[in-house]
C-alpha atoms as a PDB file:
ATOM      1  CA  MET A   1      33.033  21.384  36.058  1.00  0.00           C
ATOM      2  CA  LYS A   2      31.794  24.628  36.713  1.00  0.00           C
ATOM      3  CA  ILE A   3      32.891  26.355  39.820  1.00  0.00           C
ATOM      4  CA  GLN A   4      31.181  29.260  40.861  1.00  0.00           C
ATOM      5  CA  ILE A   5      32.146  32.042  43.564  1.00  0.00           C
ATOM      6  CA  LEU A   6      28.806  33.685  45.108  1.00  0.00           C
ATOM      7  CA  GLY A   7      29.295  37.044  46.506  1.00  0.00           C
ATOM      8  CA  THR A   8      29.589  40.852  45.885  1.00  0.00           C
ATOM      9  CA  GLY A   9      33.411  40.442  45.986  1.00  0.00           C
ATOM     10  CA  CYS A  10      34.061  41.474  49.874  1.00  0.00           C
ATOM     11  CA  PRO A  11      37.533  39.905  50.923  1.00  0.00           C
ATOM     12  CA  LYS A  12      36.009  36.504  52.245  1.00  0.00           C
ATOM     13  CA  CYS A  13      35.057  35.849  48.909  1.00  0.00           C
ATOM     14  CA  LYS A  14      38.552  36.585  47.217  1.00  0.00           C
ATOM     15  CA  LYS A  15      39.692  34.422  49.979  1.00  0.00           C
ATOM     16  CA  THR A  16      37.135  31.951  49.064  1.00  0.00           C
ATOM     17  CA  GLU A  17      38.248  32.065  44.967  1.00  0.00           C
ATOM     18  CA  ALA A  18      42.168  31.331  45.515  1.00  0.00           C
ATOM     19  CA  ASN A  19      40.939  28.826  47.863  1.00  0.00           C
ATOM     20  CA  ALA A  20      38.642  27.220  44.907  1.00  0.00           C
ATOM     21  CA  ARG A  21      41.512  27.366  42.192  1.00  0.00           C
ATOM     22  CA  GLU A  22      44.326  25.748  44.684  1.00  0.00           C
ATOM     23  CA  ALA A  23      42.415  23.167  45.235  1.00  0.00           C
ATOM     24  CA  VAL A  24      41.247  22.675  41.747  1.00  0.00           C
ATOM     25  CA  LYS A  25      45.429  23.253  40.615  1.00  0.00           C
ATOM     26  CA  ASN A  26      45.599  20.972  43.480  1.00  0.00           C
ATOM     27  CA  LEU A  27      43.642  18.313  41.612  1.00  0.00           C
ATOM     28  CA  GLY A  28      44.568  18.986  37.990  1.00  0.00           C
ATOM     29  CA  ILE A  29      41.375  18.992  37.141  1.00  0.00           C
ATOM     30  CA  ASP A  30      39.779  21.422  34.725  1.00  0.00           C
ATOM     31  CA  ALA A  31      37.440  24.314  35.635  1.00  0.00           C
ATOM     32  CA  ASP A  32      35.461  26.394  34.905  1.00  0.00           C
ATOM     33  CA  PHE A  33      34.751  29.892  37.515  1.00  0.00           C
ATOM     34  CA  GLU A  34      32.037  32.399  37.016  1.00  0.00           C
ATOM     35  CA  LYS A  35      31.597  35.011  40.182  1.00  0.00           C
ATOM     36  CA  VAL A  36      28.258  35.775  40.634  1.00  0.00           C
ATOM     37  CA  LYS A  37      28.142  38.724  42.257  1.00  0.00           C
ATOM     38  CA  ASP A  38      23.867  40.151  41.866  1.00  0.00           C
ATOM     39  CA  ILE A  39      22.148  39.681  44.966  1.00  0.00           C
ATOM     40  CA  ASN A  40      19.008  38.172  43.059  1.00  0.00           C
ATOM     41  CA  LYS A  41      20.985  35.844  41.545  1.00  0.00           C
ATOM     42  CA  ILE A  42      22.405  35.047  45.047  1.00  0.00           C
ATOM     43  CA  ILE A  43      18.975  34.637  46.213  1.00  0.00           C
ATOM     44  CA  ASP A  44      18.447  32.337  43.495  1.00  0.00           C
ATOM     45  CA  PHE A  45      20.573  29.465  44.961  1.00  0.00           C
ATOM     46  CA  GLY A  46      18.864  29.616  47.573  1.00  0.00           C
ATOM     47  CA  VAL A  47      22.042  31.606  49.560  1.00  0.00           C
ATOM     48  CA  THR A  48      21.408  34.086  51.583  1.00  0.00           C
ATOM     49  CA  VAL A  49      24.598  34.998  53.467  1.00  0.00           C
ATOM     50  CA  THR A  50      28.070  34.920  51.809  1.00  0.00           C
ATOM     51  CA  PRO A  51      30.871  33.819  50.306  1.00  0.00           C
ATOM     52  CA  ALA A  52      29.010  30.733  48.763  1.00  0.00           C
ATOM     53  CA  LEU A  53      30.641  28.267  46.304  1.00  0.00           C
ATOM     54  CA  ALA A  54      29.139  25.833  44.087  1.00  0.00           C
ATOM     55  CA  VAL A  55      29.874  23.530  41.826  1.00  0.00           C
ATOM     56  CA  ASP A  56      27.587  22.714  38.345  1.00  0.00           C
ATOM     57  CA  GLY A  57      24.951  24.387  40.387  1.00  0.00           C
ATOM     58  CA  GLU A  58      24.967  23.120  43.614  1.00  0.00           C
ATOM     59  CA  VAL A  59      25.324  24.844  46.607  1.00  0.00           C
ATOM     60  CA  LYS A  60      28.492  23.276  48.794  1.00  0.00           C
ATOM     61  CA  PHE A  61      29.021  25.745  51.187  1.00  0.00           C
ATOM     62  CA  SER A  62      27.998  29.128  52.806  1.00  0.00           C
ATOM     63  CA  GLY A  63      28.239  30.873  55.065  1.00  0.00           C
ATOM     64  CA  LYS A  64      32.453  30.982  55.602  1.00  0.00           C
ATOM     65  CA  ILE A  65      35.337  30.590  53.702  1.00  0.00           C
ATOM     66  CA  PRO A  66      36.115  26.709  52.652  1.00  0.00           C
ATOM     67  CA  SER A  67      40.042  25.661  53.443  1.00  0.00           C
ATOM     68  CA  VAL A  68      41.212  23.980  50.388  1.00  0.00           C
ATOM     69  CA  GLU A  69      41.303  20.718  51.878  1.00  0.00           C
ATOM     70  CA  GLU A  70      37.227  20.893  52.791  1.00  0.00           C
ATOM     71  CA  ILE A  71      36.784  21.822  48.600  1.00  0.00           C
ATOM     72  CA  GLU A  72      39.362  19.188  47.080  1.00  0.00           C
ATOM     73  CA  GLU A  73      36.701  16.471  49.443  1.00  0.00           C
ATOM     74  CA  VAL A  74      34.068  18.002  47.408  1.00  0.00           C
ATOM     75  CA  LEU A  75      35.021  17.939  43.787  1.00  0.00           C
ATOM     76  CA  LYS A  76      36.397  14.794  45.062  1.00  0.00           C
ATOM     77  CA  GLY A  77      32.854  13.254  46.047  1.00  0.00           C
END
């Protein structure tokens, strides 16, 4: 599983990554993390508001900090 954090590295982006890492740990799954900071690559995802979180290339959250529980639900999906 590949989890991508889309954003410029702002505090909201960092919190989104922290929540995603906690969700992965809680579920005991393996995931590779990638930070996507290039604005053109972020736009290629169709994201106009950050932070955003993508799982296996599909944007799951955009424009908010998803909670650990919300991320867990997506990862279990």
